[in-house]
Amino acid sequence: MGRLLKWLFYLVILAAIALVAYAYLGEFFGADFSPPQAEIRQPVDLDVD
């Protein structure tokens, strides 16, 4: 049981490292994480009595 938990711990650490690496290097693989750049204007009605 201890051996299984140790391998699971190693797998979680490896997955976290891979996720961080993909976040930094994702643009080289074709992933675009930037939000769309567009201005949005909406009127706001304030109900003040």
N, C-alpha and C. Protein backbone atom coordinates (compact mmCIF):
# COMPACT_ATOMS: atom_id res chain seq x y z
N MET A 1 0.82 -1.20 0.00
CA MET A 1 0.00 0.00 0.00
C MET A 1 0.87 1.26 0.00
N GLY A 2 1.94 1.23 0.76
CA GLY A 2 2.85 2.37 0.80
C GLY A 2 3.52 2.62 -0.54
N ARG A 3 3.84 1.55 -1.23
CA ARG A 3 4.48 1.68 -2.54
C ARG A 3 3.52 2.33 -3.54
N LEU A 4 2.24 1.96 -3.47
CA LEU A 4 1.24 2.55 -4.35
C LEU A 4 1.07 4.04 -4.08
N LEU A 5 1.04 4.43 -2.82
CA LEU A 5 0.91 5.84 -2.48
C LEU A 5 2.14 6.64 -2.92
N LYS A 6 3.30 6.02 -2.82
CA LYS A 6 4.52 6.69 -3.25
C LYS A 6 4.49 6.94 -4.76
N TRP A 7 4.07 5.96 -5.55
CA TRP A 7 3.98 6.14 -7.00
C TRP A 7 2.89 7.13 -7.38
N LEU A 8 1.80 7.14 -6.63
CA LEU A 8 0.75 8.11 -6.87
C LEU A 8 1.24 9.52 -6.58
N PHE A 9 2.01 9.69 -5.52
CA PHE A 9 2.59 10.98 -5.18
C PHE A 9 3.54 11.44 -6.29
N TYR A 10 4.38 10.55 -6.80
CA TYR A 10 5.29 10.88 -7.88
C TYR A 10 4.51 11.27 -9.14
N LEU A 11 3.43 10.58 -9.41
CA LEU A 11 2.62 10.88 -10.59
C LEU A 11 1.96 12.26 -10.47
N VAL A 12 1.49 12.61 -9.29
CA VAL A 12 0.89 13.93 -9.09
C VAL A 12 1.93 15.03 -9.26
N ILE A 13 3.12 14.83 -8.73
CA ILE A 13 4.20 15.82 -8.88
C ILE A 13 4.58 15.97 -10.35
N LEU A 14 4.69 14.87 -11.06
CA LEU A 14 5.03 14.91 -12.48
C LEU A 14 3.94 15.61 -13.28
N ALA A 15 2.67 15.37 -12.95
CA ALA A 15 1.56 16.03 -13.65
C ALA A 15 1.57 17.53 -13.38
N ALA A 16 1.89 17.95 -12.16
CA ALA A 16 1.95 19.37 -11.84
C ALA A 16 3.08 20.05 -12.61
N ILE A 17 4.22 19.40 -12.70
CA ILE A 17 5.34 19.95 -13.47
C ILE A 17 4.98 20.05 -14.95
N ALA A 18 4.30 19.04 -15.48
CA ALA A 18 3.89 19.06 -16.88
C ALA A 18 2.88 20.17 -17.15
N LEU A 19 1.97 20.40 -16.22
CA LEU A 19 0.98 21.46 -16.38
C LEU A 19 1.63 22.84 -16.38
N VAL A 20 2.57 23.06 -15.49
CA VAL A 20 3.28 24.34 -15.45
C VAL A 20 4.11 24.52 -16.72
N ALA A 21 4.76 23.48 -17.18
CA ALA A 21 5.55 23.56 -18.41
C ALA A 21 4.66 23.86 -19.60
N TYR A 22 3.49 23.25 -19.67
CA TYR A 22 2.57 23.51 -20.78
C TYR A 22 2.04 24.94 -20.72
N ALA A 23 1.83 25.46 -19.53
CA ALA A 23 1.34 26.84 -19.40
C ALA A 23 2.39 27.83 -19.93
N TYR A 24 3.66 27.54 -19.71
CA TYR A 24 4.70 28.44 -20.18
C TYR A 24 5.09 28.18 -21.63
N LEU A 25 5.05 26.93 -22.07
CA LEU A 25 5.51 26.58 -23.41
C LEU A 25 4.37 26.26 -24.36
N GLY A 26 3.13 26.48 -23.96
CA GLY A 26 1.98 26.11 -24.78
C GLY A 26 1.90 26.85 -26.09
N GLU A 27 2.39 28.08 -26.14
CA GLU A 27 2.31 28.84 -27.38
C GLU A 27 3.19 28.24 -28.47
N PHE A 28 4.22 27.50 -28.10
CA PHE A 28 5.06 26.83 -29.10
C PHE A 28 4.36 25.61 -29.67
N PHE A 29 3.34 25.10 -28.98
CA PHE A 29 2.58 23.94 -29.44
C PHE A 29 1.26 24.35 -30.08
N GLY A 30 1.02 25.64 -30.23
CA GLY A 30 -0.18 26.12 -30.90
C GLY A 30 -1.31 26.50 -29.97
N ALA A 31 -1.11 26.50 -28.67
CA ALA A 31 -2.16 26.88 -27.74
C ALA A 31 -2.07 28.38 -27.48
N ASP A 32 -3.21 29.06 -27.52
CA ASP A 32 -3.25 30.50 -27.27
C ASP A 32 -4.10 30.74 -26.04
N PHE A 33 -3.49 31.17 -24.96
CA PHE A 33 -4.18 31.35 -23.69
C PHE A 33 -4.61 32.80 -23.46
N SER A 34 -4.34 33.69 -24.41
CA SER A 34 -4.67 35.09 -24.19
C SER A 34 -6.17 35.32 -24.44
N PRO A 35 -6.78 36.20 -23.67
CA PRO A 35 -8.21 36.49 -23.87
C PRO A 35 -8.40 37.33 -25.13
N PRO A 36 -9.58 37.26 -25.73
CA PRO A 36 -9.83 38.09 -26.91
C PRO A 36 -9.84 39.57 -26.52
N GLN A 37 -9.22 40.38 -27.34
CA GLN A 37 -9.11 41.81 -27.06
C GLN A 37 -10.23 42.54 -27.79
N ALA A 38 -11.28 42.88 -27.07
CA ALA A 38 -12.39 43.63 -27.64
C ALA A 38 -13.01 44.51 -26.55
N GLU A 39 -13.39 45.72 -26.95
CA GLU A 39 -14.03 46.62 -26.00
C GLU A 39 -15.53 46.37 -26.02
N ILE A 40 -16.11 46.24 -24.86
CA ILE A 40 -17.54 45.99 -24.74
C ILE A 40 -18.16 47.13 -23.94
N ARG A 41 -19.19 47.75 -24.51
CA ARG A 41 -19.88 48.85 -23.82
C ARG A 41 -21.33 48.45 -23.64
N GLN A 42 -21.82 48.56 -22.41
CA GLN A 42 -23.21 48.27 -22.11
C GLN A 42 -23.75 49.40 -21.24
N PRO A 43 -24.94 49.92 -21.58
CA PRO A 43 -25.52 50.96 -20.74
C PRO A 43 -26.00 50.38 -19.41
N VAL A 44 -25.87 51.18 -18.37
CA VAL A 44 -26.28 50.76 -17.03
C VAL A 44 -27.36 51.72 -16.56
N ASP A 45 -28.52 51.17 -16.18
CA ASP A 45 -29.60 51.97 -15.63
C ASP A 45 -29.58 51.87 -14.12
N LEU A 46 -29.38 53.00 -13.45
CA LEU A 46 -29.37 53.02 -12.00
C LEU A 46 -30.75 53.44 -11.51
N ASP A 47 -31.34 52.63 -10.66
CA ASP A 47 -32.67 52.91 -10.13
C ASP A 47 -32.53 53.65 -8.80
N VAL A 48 -32.39 54.98 -8.89
CA VAL A 48 -32.19 55.80 -7.70
C VAL A 48 -33.47 56.61 -7.48
N ASP A 49 -34.07 56.46 -6.31
CA ASP A 49 -35.29 57.21 -5.99
C ASP A 49 -35.02 58.27 -4.97
